Structures are given as structure tokens and as C-alpha cells.
Protein backbone atom coordinates (compact mmCIF):
# COMPACT_ATOMS: atom_id res chain seq x y z
CA UNK A 1 -2.28 -34.18 36.40
CA UNK A 2 -2.55 -37.71 37.55
CA UNK A 3 0.86 -40.06 36.15
CA UNK A 4 -0.36 -43.39 35.15
CA UNK A 5 2.06 -45.95 36.30
CA UNK A 6 3.32 -48.56 33.48
CA UNK A 7 4.41 -52.12 33.98
CA UNK A 8 7.27 -51.32 31.53
CA UNK A 9 10.21 -49.10 32.55
CA UNK A 10 11.40 -46.80 29.86
CA UNK A 11 14.38 -44.51 30.24
CA UNK A 12 13.38 -41.55 28.00
CA UNK A 13 16.97 -40.32 27.97
CA UNK A 14 18.53 -43.82 26.90
CA UNK A 15 15.58 -43.75 24.20
CA UNK A 16 16.25 -40.53 22.94
CA UNK A 17 20.14 -41.05 22.78
CA UNK A 18 19.64 -44.35 20.83
CA UNK A 19 17.12 -42.07 18.48
CA UNK A 20 20.29 -39.71 17.71
CA UNK A 21 23.01 -42.16 17.07
CA UNK A 22 20.74 -44.15 14.44
CA UNK A 23 19.82 -40.81 13.13
CA UNK A 24 23.47 -39.96 12.92
CA UNK A 25 24.63 -43.20 11.73
CA UNK A 26 22.01 -43.22 8.71
CA UNK A 27 23.95 -39.76 7.39
CA UNK A 28 27.09 -41.74 7.19
CA UNK A 29 28.11 -43.29 3.81
CA UNK A 30 29.96 -46.05 5.45
CA UNK A 31 26.23 -47.22 6.71
CA UNK A 32 24.95 -47.25 3.56
CA UNK A 33 28.40 -49.19 2.09
CA UNK A 34 28.25 -51.56 4.99
CA UNK A 35 24.37 -52.24 4.20
CA UNK A 36 25.08 -53.01 0.26
CA UNK A 37 27.91 -55.44 1.09
CA UNK A 38 24.78 -57.37 3.65
CA UNK A 39 22.53 -56.99 0.71
CA UNK A 40 25.49 -58.70 -1.55
CA UNK A 41 26.30 -61.36 0.75
CA UNK A 42 22.17 -62.23 1.38
CA UNK A 43 21.92 -62.85 -2.60
CA UNK A 44 20.80 -66.80 -3.38
CA UNK A 45 23.65 -69.04 -3.99
CA UNK A 46 23.67 -72.42 -5.77
CA UNK A 47 25.00 -74.00 -2.21
CA UNK A 48 22.00 -72.59 -0.44
CA UNK A 49 19.42 -74.31 0.91
CA UNK A 50 16.49 -72.80 -0.99
CA UNK A 51 13.30 -75.17 0.17
CA UNK A 52 10.74 -75.01 -2.50
CA UNK A 53 11.44 -71.67 -3.95
CA UNK A 54 11.55 -72.08 -7.61
CA UNK A 55 14.20 -70.83 -10.22
CA UNK A 56 11.91 -68.41 -11.02
CA UNK A 57 11.39 -66.81 -7.52
CA UNK A 58 15.48 -67.30 -6.37
CA UNK A 59 16.02 -65.31 -10.01
CA UNK A 60 13.62 -62.36 -8.57
CA UNK A 61 15.38 -62.04 -5.58
CA UNK A 62 18.68 -62.52 -6.67
CA UNK A 63 17.61 -59.36 -8.66
CA UNK A 64 15.80 -57.41 -6.15
CA UNK A 65 18.77 -57.59 -3.84
CA UNK A 66 21.53 -56.95 -6.26
CA UNK A 67 19.19 -53.61 -7.15
CA UNK A 68 18.96 -52.55 -3.61
CA UNK A 69 22.81 -52.98 -3.12
CA UNK A 70 23.37 -50.69 -5.78
CA UNK A 71 21.06 -48.30 -4.68
CA UNK A 72 22.48 -47.99 -1.12
CA UNK A 73 25.97 -47.82 -3.03
CA UNK A 74 24.98 -44.92 -5.07
CA UNK A 75 23.85 -43.24 -2.05
CA UNK A 76 26.80 -43.78 -0.20
CA UNK A 77 28.72 -42.52 -3.29
CA UNK A 78 26.06 -39.07 -3.04
CA UNK A 79 26.71 -38.24 0.18
CA UNK A 80 30.66 -38.71 -0.56
CA UNK A 81 30.44 -36.75 -3.47
CA UNK A 82 28.20 -33.89 -2.11
CA UNK A 83 30.49 -33.56 0.92
CA UNK A 84 27.58 -34.83 3.23
CA UNK A 85 30.24 -37.09 4.60
CA UNK A 86 32.55 -33.98 5.42
CA UNK A 87 31.92 -34.58 9.39
CA UNK A 88 31.91 -38.49 9.56
CA UNK A 89 34.66 -38.23 12.03
CA UNK A 90 32.98 -35.81 14.31
CA UNK A 91 30.17 -37.82 13.98
CA UNK A 92 31.53 -40.98 15.20
CA UNK A 93 33.58 -38.93 17.74
CA UNK A 94 29.77 -38.09 19.29
CA UNK A 95 28.04 -41.58 18.98
CA UNK A 96 31.56 -43.13 20.64
CA UNK A 97 31.61 -40.63 23.56
CA UNK A 98 27.51 -41.22 23.85
CA UNK A 99 27.58 -45.01 24.33
């Protein structure tokens, strides 16, 4: 079998490692609490420059971000209540060692 030389250099092992780091970090409740916090921070404020966005558009965006943040918090709570996050310290240790 003839291999085709690519102009891009891809480190397959590093790609695989990053994939599993992302996968494991997505299983942690802390990730979803952080995401909820980021969504809350992104909600429109009266001091923001909103360009030509109408009040209705801003209200819709605010509601969407609020609902999404609440979903993230509920997901994190579900992970905690189902003990799915019981191995969080082990996962963090593996992620730190792999970095």
C-alpha cells in the first residue's frame, strides 16, 4: 500500500490524547458548573453595546442563555446525585498526568 504524504503534520498520539482529555473532562460536574457560569456571564447587560439589536432580540437572547445555564446546572447536579462524578479526582489526576 502506498502512503500519500500530507502537507500537514498530525501527531496521531497527541490528537488521541486530546480527544480523551476532552471526553473525560466532559464527564465532570465541575465542567458543567463552569459552563453555566460562562453562559450567565454572557447574558446581555444594560451597560453592553448591543448595536442594532432590538429589545425583543435582547430579551430572547437573555432567556436562551438563562435556560441553557440552568440546563448545565441541572446536568451537573444529575452527575453529582447519580455518583457519576465519584471518580472526579481520579479523572483529574489522569488528565494532569497526560498533559
